[in-house]
PDB file of N, CA and C in Angstrom:
ATOM      1  N   UNK A   1       0.827  -1.195   0.000  1.00  0.00           N
ATOM      2  CA  UNK A   1       0.000   0.000   0.000  1.00  0.00           C
ATOM      3  C   UNK A   1       0.869   1.256   0.000  1.00  0.00           C
ATOM      4  N   UNK A   2       1.949   1.234   0.791  1.00  0.00           N
ATOM      5  CA  UNK A   2       2.813   2.398   0.865  1.00  0.00           C
ATOM      6  C   UNK A   2       3.441   2.698  -0.491  1.00  0.00           C
ATOM      7  N   UNK A   3       3.848   1.658  -1.203  1.00  0.00           N
ATOM      8  CA  UNK A   3       4.489   1.859  -2.495  1.00  0.00           C
ATOM      9  C   UNK A   3       3.492   2.377  -3.524  1.00  0.00           C
ATOM     10  N   UNK A   4       2.261   1.901  -3.429  1.00  0.00           N
ATOM     11  CA  UNK A   4       1.237   2.371  -4.356  1.00  0.00           C
ATOM     12  C   UNK A   4       0.960   3.855  -4.119  1.00  0.00           C
ATOM     13  N   UNK A   5       0.849   4.247  -2.841  1.00  0.00           N
ATOM     14  CA  UNK A   5       0.604   5.648  -2.520  1.00  0.00           C
ATOM     15  C   UNK A   5       1.775   6.518  -2.969  1.00  0.00           C
ATOM     16  N   UNK A   6       2.983   6.053  -2.751  1.00  0.00           N
ATOM     17  CA  UNK A   6       4.164   6.793  -3.194  1.00  0.00           C
ATOM     18  C   UNK A   6       4.177   6.930  -4.714  1.00  0.00           C
ATOM     19  N   UNK A   7       3.861   5.855  -5.399  1.00  0.00           N
ATOM     20  CA  UNK A   7       3.831   5.886  -6.854  1.00  0.00           C
ATOM     21  C   UNK A   7       2.780   6.869  -7.358  1.00  0.00           C
ATOM     22  N   UNK A   8       1.573   6.793  -6.783  1.00  0.00           N
ATOM     23  CA  UNK A   8       0.496   7.682  -7.227  1.00  0.00           C
ATOM     24  C   UNK A   8       0.842   9.146  -6.928  1.00  0.00           C
ATOM     25  N   UNK A   9       1.488   9.391  -5.795  1.00  0.00           N
ATOM     26  CA  UNK A   9       1.911  10.756  -5.484  1.00  0.00           C
ATOM     27  C   UNK A   9       2.927  11.244  -6.517  1.00  0.00           C
ATOM     28  N   UNK A  10       3.854  10.374  -6.888  1.00  0.00           N
ATOM     29  CA  UNK A  10       4.842  10.740  -7.907  1.00  0.00           C
ATOM     30  C   UNK A  10       4.209  11.021  -9.250  1.00  0.00           C
ATOM     31  N   UNK A  11       3.218  10.204  -9.607  1.00  0.00           N
ATOM     32  CA  UNK A  11       2.508  10.422 -10.865  1.00  0.00           C
ATOM     33  C   UNK A  11       1.799  11.775 -10.842  1.00  0.00           C
ATOM     34  N   UNK A  12       1.131  12.069  -9.735  1.00  0.00           N
ATOM     35  CA  UNK A  12       0.407  13.335  -9.634  1.00  0.00           C
ATOM     36  C   UNK A  12       1.361  14.522  -9.717  1.00  0.00           C
ATOM     37  N   UNK A  13       2.463  14.454  -8.997  1.00  0.00           N
ATOM     38  CA  UNK A  13       3.433  15.551  -9.025  1.00  0.00           C
ATOM     39  C   UNK A  13       4.039  15.683 -10.417  1.00  0.00           C
ATOM     40  N   UNK A  14       4.381  14.560 -11.017  1.00  0.00           N
ATOM     41  CA  UNK A  14       4.943  14.597 -12.360  1.00  0.00           C
ATOM     42  C   UNK A  14       3.977  15.172 -13.376  1.00  0.00           C
ATOM     43  N   UNK A  15       2.725  14.815 -13.230  1.00  0.00           N
ATOM     44  CA  UNK A  15       1.727  15.338 -14.154  1.00  0.00           C
ATOM     45  C   UNK A  15       1.590  16.851 -13.999  1.00  0.00           C
ATOM     46  N   UNK A  16       1.501  17.300 -12.754  1.00  0.00           N
ATOM     47  CA  UNK A  16       1.321  18.731 -12.519  1.00  0.00           C
ATOM     48  C   UNK A  16       2.526  19.507 -13.025  1.00  0.00           C
ATOM     49  N   UNK A  17       3.721  18.986 -12.767  1.00  0.00           N
ATOM     50  CA  UNK A  17       4.919  19.709 -13.172  1.00  0.00           C
ATOM     51  C   UNK A  17       5.205  19.600 -14.667  1.00  0.00           C
ATOM     52  N   UNK A  18       4.833  18.472 -15.275  1.00  0.00           N
ATOM     53  CA  UNK A  18       5.235  18.248 -16.649  1.00  0.00           C
ATOM     54  C   UNK A  18       4.152  18.412 -17.696  1.00  0.00           C
ATOM     55  N   UNK A  19       2.920  18.423 -17.298  1.00  0.00           N
ATOM     56  CA  UNK A  19       1.833  18.481 -18.277  1.00  0.00           C
ATOM     57  C   UNK A  19       1.622  19.898 -18.797  1.00  0.00           C
ATOM     58  N   UNK A  20       1.032  19.961 -19.942  1.00  0.00           N
ATOM     59  CA  UNK A  20       0.706  21.261 -20.521  1.00  0.00           C
ATOM     60  C   UNK A  20      -0.807  21.443 -20.550  1.00  0.00           C
ATOM     61  N   UNK A  21      -1.457  20.975 -19.491  1.00  0.00           N
ATOM     62  CA  UNK A  21      -2.915  21.020 -19.443  1.00  0.00           C
ATOM     63  C   UNK A  21      -3.441  22.401 -19.094  1.00  0.00           C
ATOM     64  N   UNK A  22      -2.601  23.254 -18.589  1.00  0.00           N
ATOM     65  CA  UNK A  22      -3.024  24.615 -18.303  1.00  0.00           C
ATOM     66  C   UNK A  22      -3.470  24.812 -16.870  1.00  0.00           C
ATOM     67  N   UNK A  23      -3.808  26.038 -16.586  1.00  0.00           N
ATOM     68  CA  UNK A  23      -4.158  26.464 -15.225  1.00  0.00           C
ATOM     69  C   UNK A  23      -5.440  25.810 -14.734  1.00  0.00           C
ATOM     70  N   UNK A  24      -6.398  25.627 -15.615  1.00  0.00           N
ATOM     71  CA  UNK A  24      -7.685  25.059 -15.203  1.00  0.00           C
ATOM     72  C   UNK A  24      -7.510  23.640 -14.659  1.00  0.00           C
ATOM     73  N   UNK A  25      -6.766  22.829 -15.369  1.00  0.00           N
ATOM     74  CA  UNK A  25      -6.532  21.457 -14.909  1.00  0.00           C
ATOM     75  C   UNK A  25      -5.719  21.449 -13.619  1.00  0.00           C
ATOM     76  N   UNK A  26      -4.768  22.343 -13.505  1.00  0.00           N
ATOM     77  CA  UNK A  26      -3.978  22.469 -12.283  1.00  0.00           C
ATOM     78  C   UNK A  26      -4.887  22.787 -11.098  1.00  0.00           C
ATOM     79  N   UNK A  27      -5.813  23.719 -11.292  1.00  0.00           N
ATOM     80  CA  UNK A  27      -6.739  24.087 -10.213  1.00  0.00           C
ATOM     81  C   UNK A  27      -7.643  22.914  -9.846  1.00  0.00           C
ATOM     82  N   UNK A  28      -8.070  22.121 -10.833  1.00  0.00           N
ATOM     83  CA  UNK A  28      -8.877  20.932 -10.543  1.00  0.00           C
ATOM     84  C   UNK A  28      -8.096  19.946  -9.677  1.00  0.00           C
ATOM     85  N   UNK A  29      -6.849  19.705 -10.032  1.00  0.00           N
ATOM     86  CA  UNK A  29      -6.019  18.794  -9.255  1.00  0.00           C
ATOM     87  C   UNK A  29      -5.768  19.321  -7.846  1.00  0.00           C
ATOM     88  N   UNK A  30      -5.544  20.609  -7.754  1.00  0.00           N
ATOM     89  CA  UNK A  30      -5.305  21.220  -6.452  1.00  0.00           C
ATOM     90  C   UNK A  30      -6.536  21.109  -5.555  1.00  0.00           C
ATOM     91  N   UNK A  31      -7.704  21.327  -6.126  1.00  0.00           N
ATOM     92  CA  UNK A  31      -8.945  21.207  -5.369  1.00  0.00           C
ATOM     93  C   UNK A  31      -9.161  19.763  -4.909  1.00  0.00           C
ATOM     94  N   UNK A  32      -8.895  18.810  -5.789  1.00  0.00           N
ATOM     95  CA  UNK A  32      -9.048  17.394  -5.422  1.00  0.00           C
ATOM     96  C   UNK A  32      -8.076  17.016  -4.312  1.00  0.00           C
ATOM     97  N   UNK A  33      -6.852  17.501  -4.375  1.00  0.00           N
ATOM     98  CA  UNK A  33      -5.868  17.203  -3.339  1.00  0.00           C
ATOM     99  C   UNK A  33      -6.275  17.814  -2.008  1.00  0.00           C
ATOM    100  N   UNK A  34      -6.812  19.014  -2.036  1.00  0.00           N
ATOM    101  CA  UNK A  34      -7.264  19.670  -0.807  1.00  0.00           C
ATOM    102  C   UNK A  34      -8.439  18.908  -0.198  1.00  0.00           C
ATOM    103  N   UNK A  35      -9.385  18.461  -1.035  1.00  0.00           N
ATOM    104  CA  UNK A  35     -10.514  17.686  -0.527  1.00  0.00           C
ATOM    105  C   UNK A  35     -10.035  16.369   0.075  1.00  0.00           C
ATOM    106  N   UNK A  36      -9.065  15.738  -0.566  1.00  0.00           N
ATOM    107  CA  UNK A  36      -8.511  14.493  -0.050  1.00  0.00           C
ATOM    108  C   UNK A  36      -7.855  14.717   1.312  1.00  0.00           C
ATOM    109  N   UNK A  37      -7.087  15.784   1.427  1.00  0.00           N
ATOM    110  CA  UNK A  37      -6.382  16.064   2.677  1.00  0.00           C
ATOM    111  C   UNK A  37      -7.334  16.426   3.803  1.00  0.00           C
ATOM    112  N   UNK A  38      -8.502  16.992   3.480  1.00  0.00           N
ATOM    113  CA  UNK A  38      -9.462  17.387   4.497  1.00  0.00           C
ATOM    114  C   UNK A  38     -10.424  16.272   4.868  1.00  0.00           C
ATOM    115  N   UNK A  39     -10.319  15.137   4.204  1.00  0.00           N
ATOM    116  CA  UNK A  39     -11.162  13.985   4.514  1.00  0.00           C
ATOM    117  C   UNK A  39     -10.856  13.499   5.937  1.00  0.00           C
ATOM    118  N   UNK A  40     -11.879  13.325   6.777  1.00  0.00           N
ATOM    119  CA  UNK A  40     -11.641  12.888   8.161  1.00  0.00           C
ATOM    120  C   UNK A  40     -10.895  11.554   8.255  1.00  0.00           C
ATOM    121  N   UNK A  41     -11.147  10.632   7.344  1.00  0.00           N
ATOM    122  CA  UNK A  41     -10.443   9.349   7.381  1.00  0.00           C
ATOM    123  C   UNK A  41      -8.949   9.539   7.114  1.00  0.00           C
ATOM    124  N   UNK A  42      -8.614  10.433   6.195  1.00  0.00           N
ATOM    125  CA  UNK A  42      -7.213  10.712   5.892  1.00  0.00           C
ATOM    126  C   UNK A  42      -6.550  11.410   7.080  1.00  0.00           C
ATOM    127  N   UNK A  43      -7.254  12.345   7.705  1.00  0.00           N
ATOM    128  CA  UNK A  43      -6.704  13.039   8.861  1.00  0.00           C
ATOM    129  C   UNK A  43      -6.489  12.074  10.024  1.00  0.00           C
ATOM    130  N   UNK A  44      -7.425  11.125  10.227  1.00  0.00           N
ATOM    131  CA  UNK A  44      -7.253  10.119  11.279  1.00  0.00           C
ATOM    132  C   UNK A  44      -6.052   9.238  10.992  1.00  0.00           C
ATOM    133  N   UNK A  45      -5.892   8.828   9.735  1.00  0.00           N
ATOM    134  CA  UNK A  45      -4.752   7.995   9.369  1.00  0.00           C
ATOM    135  C   UNK A  45      -3.442   8.754   9.584  1.00  0.00           C
ATOM    136  N   UNK A  46      -3.422  10.028   9.239  1.00  0.00           N
ATOM    137  CA  UNK A  46      -2.217  10.833   9.436  1.00  0.00           C
ATOM    138  C   UNK A  46      -1.902  10.987  10.917  1.00  0.00           C
ATOM    139  N   UNK A  47      -2.938  11.191  11.728  1.00  0.00           N
ATOM    140  CA  UNK A  47      -2.738  11.318  13.171  1.00  0.00           C
ATOM    141  C   UNK A  47      -2.212  10.009  13.750  1.00  0.00           C
ATOM    142  N   UNK A  48      -2.778   8.882  13.311  1.00  0.00           N
ATOM    143  CA  UNK A  48      -2.316   7.585  13.792  1.00  0.00           C
ATOM    144  C   UNK A  48      -0.862   7.340  13.393  1.00  0.00           C
ATOM    145  N   UNK A  49      -0.507   7.705  12.168  1.00  0.00           N
ATOM    146  CA  UNK A  49       0.874   7.537  11.716  1.00  0.00           C
ATOM    147  C   UNK A  49       1.811   8.424  12.524  1.00  0.00           C
ATOM    148  N   UNK A  50       1.384   9.632  12.805  1.00  0.00           N
ATOM    149  CA  UNK A  50       2.189  10.562  13.590  1.00  0.00           C
ATOM    150  C   UNK A  50       2.400  10.016  15.002  1.00  0.00           C
ATOM    151  N   UNK A  51       1.319   9.530  15.623  1.00  0.00           N
ATOM    152  CA  UNK A  51       1.422   8.977  16.975  1.00  0.00           C
ATOM    153  C   UNK A  51       2.299   7.730  17.006  1.00  0.00           C
ATOM    154  N   UNK A  52       2.136   6.867  16.013  1.00  0.00           N
ATOM    155  CA  UNK A  52       2.954   5.654  15.943  1.00  0.00           C
ATOM    156  C   UNK A  52       4.424   6.006  15.752  1.00  0.00           C
ATOM    157  N   UNK A  53       4.691   6.946  14.879  1.00  0.00           N
ATOM    158  CA  UNK A  53       6.067   7.383  14.658  1.00  0.00           C
ATOM    159  C   UNK A  53       6.683   7.970  15.910  1.00  0.00           C
ATOM    160  N   UNK A  54       5.905   8.761  16.625  1.00  0.00           N
ATOM    161  CA  UNK A  54       6.403   9.362  17.866  1.00  0.00           C
ATOM    162  C   UNK A  54       6.696   8.278  18.909  1.00  0.00           C
ATOM    163  N   UNK A  55       5.812   7.269  19.002  1.00  0.00           N
ATOM    164  CA  UNK A  55       6.014   6.177  19.950  1.00  0.00           C
ATOM    165  C   UNK A  55       7.260   5.378  19.608  1.00  0.00           C
ATOM    166  N   UNK A  56       7.409   5.036  18.336  1.00  0.00           N
ATOM    167  CA  UNK A  56       8.570   4.262  17.901  1.00  0.00           C
ATOM    168  C   UNK A  56       9.855   5.067  18.111  1.00  0.00           C
ATOM    169  N   UNK A  57       9.812   6.346  17.801  1.00  0.00           N
ATOM    170  CA  UNK A  57      10.999   7.192  17.985  1.00  0.00           C
ATOM    171  C   UNK A  57      11.359   7.296  19.462  1.00  0.00           C
ATOM    172  N   UNK A  58      10.360   7.379  20.318  1.00  0.00           N
ATOM    173  CA  UNK A  58      10.615   7.450  21.750  1.00  0.00           C
ATOM    174  C   UNK A  58      11.270   6.169  22.252  1.00  0.00           C
ATOM    175  N   UNK A  59      10.751   5.015  21.790  1.00  0.00           N
ATOM    176  CA  UNK A  59      11.348   3.733  22.183  1.00  0.00           C
ATOM    177  C   UNK A  59      12.782   3.628  21.660  1.00  0.00           C
ATOM    178  N   UNK A  60      12.993   4.052  20.430  1.00  0.00           N
ATOM    179  CA  UNK A  60      14.335   4.001  19.849  1.00  0.00           C
ATOM    180  C   UNK A  60      15.286   4.908  20.614  1.00  0.00           C
ATOM    181  N   UNK A  61      14.820   6.090  20.988  1.00  0.00           N
ATOM    182  CA  UNK A  61      15.662   7.012  21.747  1.00  0.00           C
ATOM    183  C   UNK A  61      16.022   6.412  23.096  1.00  0.00           C
ATOM    184  N   UNK A  62      15.063   5.749  23.736  1.00  0.00           N
ATOM    185  CA  UNK A  62      15.334   5.094  25.011  1.00  0.00           C
ATOM    186  C   UNK A  62      16.355   3.981  24.862  1.00  0.00           C
ATOM    187  N   UNK A  63      16.221   3.189  23.806  1.00  0.00           N
ATOM    188  CA  UNK A  63      17.160   2.097  23.558  1.00  0.00           C
ATOM    189  C   UNK A  63      18.558   2.626  23.285  1.00  0.00           C
ATOM    190  N   UNK A  64      18.640   3.641  22.443  1.00  0.00           N
ATOM    191  CA  UNK A  64      19.944   4.228  22.116  1.00  0.00           C
ATOM    192  C   UNK A  64      20.568   4.850  23.365  1.00  0.00           C
ATOM    193  N   UNK A  65      19.775   5.571  24.125  1.00  0.00           N
ATOM    194  CA  UNK A  65      20.300   6.201  25.341  1.00  0.00           C
ATOM    195  C   UNK A  65      20.775   5.147  26.327  1.00  0.00           C
ATOM    196  N   UNK A  66      20.059   4.019  26.405  1.00  0.00           N
ATOM    197  CA  UNK A  66      20.468   2.945  27.298  1.00  0.00           C
ATOM    198  C   UNK A  66      21.772   2.303  26.870  1.00  0.00           C
ATOM    199  N   UNK A  67      21.969   2.152  25.581  1.00  0.00           N
ATOM    200  CA  UNK A  67      23.187   1.507  25.079  1.00  0.00           C
ATOM    201  C   UNK A  67      24.369   2.472  25.026  1.00  0.00           C
ATOM    202  N   UNK A  68      24.101   3.722  24.683  1.00  0.00           N
ATOM    203  CA  UNK A  68      25.172   4.691  24.530  1.00  0.00           C
ATOM    204  C   UNK A  68      25.515   5.341  25.867  1.00  0.00           C
ATOM    205  N   UNK A  69      24.480   5.556  26.677  1.00  0.00           N
ATOM    206  CA  UNK A  69      24.706   6.122  28.009  1.00  0.00           C
ATOM    207  C   UNK A  69      25.194   7.540  27.966  1.00  0.00           C
ATOM    208  N   UNK A  70      26.292   7.781  28.665  1.00  0.00           N
ATOM    209  CA  UNK A  70      26.826   9.139  28.794  1.00  0.00           C
ATOM    210  C   UNK A  70      27.672   9.567  27.611  1.00  0.00           C
ATOM    211  N   UNK A  71      27.698   8.785  26.563  1.00  0.00           N
ATOM    212  CA  UNK A  71      28.519   9.118  25.399  1.00  0.00           C
ATOM    213  C   UNK A  71      27.854  10.156  24.499  1.00  0.00           C
ATOM    214  N   UNK A  72      26.550  10.399  24.696  1.00  0.00           N
ATOM    215  CA  UNK A  72      25.857  11.404  23.891  1.00  0.00           C
ATOM    216  C   UNK A  72      26.277  12.797  24.329  1.00  0.00           C
ATOM    217  N   UNK A  73      26.387  13.717  23.386  1.00  0.00           N
ATOM    218  CA  UNK A  73      26.699  15.103  23.755  1.00  0.00           C
ATOM    219  C   UNK A  73      25.563  15.706  24.582  1.00  0.00           C
ATOM    220  N   UNK A  74      25.909  16.650  25.419  1.00  0.00           N
ATOM    221  CA  UNK A  74      24.896  17.290  26.261  1.00  0.00           C
ATOM    222  C   UNK A  74      23.821  17.981  25.433  1.00  0.00           C
ATOM    223  N   UNK A  75      24.192  18.504  24.268  1.00  0.00           N
ATOM    224  CA  UNK A  75      23.203  19.196  23.436  1.00  0.00           C
ATOM    225  C   UNK A  75      22.102  18.241  22.983  1.00  0.00           C
ATOM    226  N   UNK A  76      22.456  16.993  22.701  1.00  0.00           N
ATOM    227  CA  UNK A  76      21.466  16.003  22.265  1.00  0.00           C
ATOM    228  C   UNK A  76      20.551  15.633  23.429  1.00  0.00           C
ATOM    229  N   UNK A  77      21.136  15.341  24.583  1.00  0.00           N
ATOM    230  CA  UNK A  77      20.314  14.953  25.729  1.00  0.00           C
ATOM    231  C   UNK A  77      19.422  16.101  26.180  1.00  0.00           C
ATOM    232  N   UNK A  78      19.926  17.337  26.105  1.00  0.00           N
ATOM    233  CA  UNK A  78      19.098  18.485  26.460  1.00  0.00           C
ATOM    234  C   UNK A  78      17.926  18.643  25.499  1.00  0.00           C
ATOM    235  N   UNK A  79      18.172  18.436  24.219  1.00  0.00           N
ATOM    236  CA  UNK A  79      17.097  18.562  23.219  1.00  0.00           C
ATOM    237  C   UNK A  79      16.043  17.482  23.428  1.00  0.00           C
ATOM    238  N   UNK A  80      16.452  16.252  23.693  1.00  0.00           N
ATOM    239  CA  UNK A  80      15.497  15.170  23.931  1.00  0.00           C
ATOM    240  C   UNK A  80      14.674  15.478  25.167  1.00  0.00           C
ATOM    241  N   UNK A  81      15.316  15.910  26.229  1.00  0.00           N
ATOM    242  CA  UNK A  81      14.594  16.257  27.457  1.00  0.00           C
ATOM    243  C   UNK A  81      13.589  17.381  27.194  1.00  0.00           C
ATOM    244  N   UNK A  82      14.004  18.390  26.437  1.00  0.00           N
ATOM    245  CA  UNK A  82      13.136  19.518  26.110  1.00  0.00           C
ATOM    246  C   UNK A  82      11.909  19.053  25.323  1.00  0.00           C
ATOM    247  N   UNK A  83      12.123  18.200  24.321  1.00  0.00           N
ATOM    248  CA  UNK A  83      11.011  17.724  23.502  1.00  0.00           C
ATOM    249  C   UNK A  83      10.062  16.849  24.308  1.00  0.00           C
ATOM    250  N   UNK A  84      10.578  16.052  25.214  1.00  0.00           N
ATOM    251  CA  UNK A  84       9.702  15.224  26.055  1.00  0.00           C
ATOM    252  C   UNK A  84       8.859  16.084  26.982  1.00  0.00           C
ATOM    253  N   UNK A  85       9.414  17.164  27.501  1.00  0.00           N
ATOM    254  CA  UNK A  85       8.679  18.050  28.398  1.00  0.00           C
ATOM    255  C   UNK A  85       7.598  18.819  27.657  1.00  0.00           C
ATOM    256  N   UNK A  86       7.836  19.146  26.396  1.00  0.00           N
ATOM    257  CA  UNK A  86       6.862  19.897  25.599  1.00  0.00           C
ATOM    258  C   UNK A  86       5.629  19.094  25.284  1.00  0.00           C
ATOM    259  N   UNK A  87       5.754  17.797  25.180  1.00  0.00           N
ATOM    260  CA  UNK A  87       4.607  16.954  24.869  1.00  0.00           C
ATOM    261  C   UNK A  87       4.423  16.782  23.383  1.00  0.00           C
ATOM    262  N   UNK A  88       3.164  16.865  22.920  1.00  0.00           N
ATOM    263  CA  UNK A  88       2.844  16.508  21.540  1.00  0.00           C
ATOM    264  C   UNK A  88       3.130  17.616  20.538  1.00  0.00           C
ATOM    265  N   UNK A  89       3.271  18.861  20.972  1.00  0.00           N
ATOM    266  CA  UNK A  89       3.540  19.945  20.030  1.00  0.00           C
ATOM    267  C   UNK A  89       5.019  19.924  19.653  1.00  0.00           C
ATOM    268  N   UNK A  90       5.293  20.015  18.359  1.00  0.00           N
ATOM    269  CA  UNK A  90       6.679  20.032  17.912  1.00  0.00           C
ATOM    270  C   UNK A  90       6.820  20.907  16.693  1.00  0.00           C
ATOM    271  N   UNK A  91       8.062  21.166  16.312  1.00  0.00           N
ATOM    272  CA  UNK A  91       8.341  21.965  15.127  1.00  0.00           C
ATOM    273  C   UNK A  91       9.147  21.149  14.135  1.00  0.00           C
ATOM    274  N   UNK A  92       8.785  19.904  13.991  1.00  0.00           N
ATOM    275  CA  UNK A  92       9.519  18.977  13.132  1.00  0.00           C
ATOM    276  C   UNK A  92       8.814  18.787  11.801  1.00  0.00           C
ATOM    277  N   UNK A  93       7.958  19.700  11.392  1.00  0.00           N
ATOM    278  CA  UNK A  93       7.309  19.590  10.089  1.00  0.00           C
ATOM    279  C   UNK A  93       6.074  18.731  10.086  1.00  0.00           C
ATOM    280  N   UNK A  94       5.437  18.543  11.249  1.00  0.00           N
ATOM    281  CA  UNK A  94       4.260  17.682  11.307  1.00  0.00           C
ATOM    282  C   UNK A  94       2.973  18.465  11.477  1.00  0.00           C
ATOM    283  N   UNK A  95       3.016  19.766  11.264  1.00  0.00           N
ATOM    284  CA  UNK A  95       1.796  20.546  11.409  1.00  0.00           C
ATOM    285  C   UNK A  95       0.887  20.330  10.212  1.00  0.00           C
ATOM    286  N   UNK A  96      -0.365  20.620  10.375  1.00  0.00           N
ATOM    287  CA  UNK A  96      -1.354  20.434   9.310  1.00  0.00           C
ATOM    288  C   UNK A  96      -1.652  21.735   8.591  1.00  0.00           C
ATOM    289  N   UNK A  97      -0.634  22.537   8.372  1.00  0.00           N
ATOM    290  CA  UNK A  97      -0.854  23.815   7.685  1.00  0.00           C
ATOM    291  C   UNK A  97      -0.649  23.678   6.215  1.00  0.00           C
TER     292      UNK A  97
END
């Protein structure tokens, strides 16, 4: 499923960038993409993927910290501590803007 979605996204981007269909067709594609992104099922799937990624990253960070211990630079450990204290809000490009 992931490969199919990636392929279809590539086709859509390639079509928009390479086609000579004009502004009208571009606006149709843009409207369809916006409707797709605003679909509640798509938003739920994106939220679930975001939460799963955050959980997996947290487990990985714990594992790495356990194995590496005090070998990590203070800047890395401070950043991880800061992000954990902030909670779910982040500036890592996961906003829905």
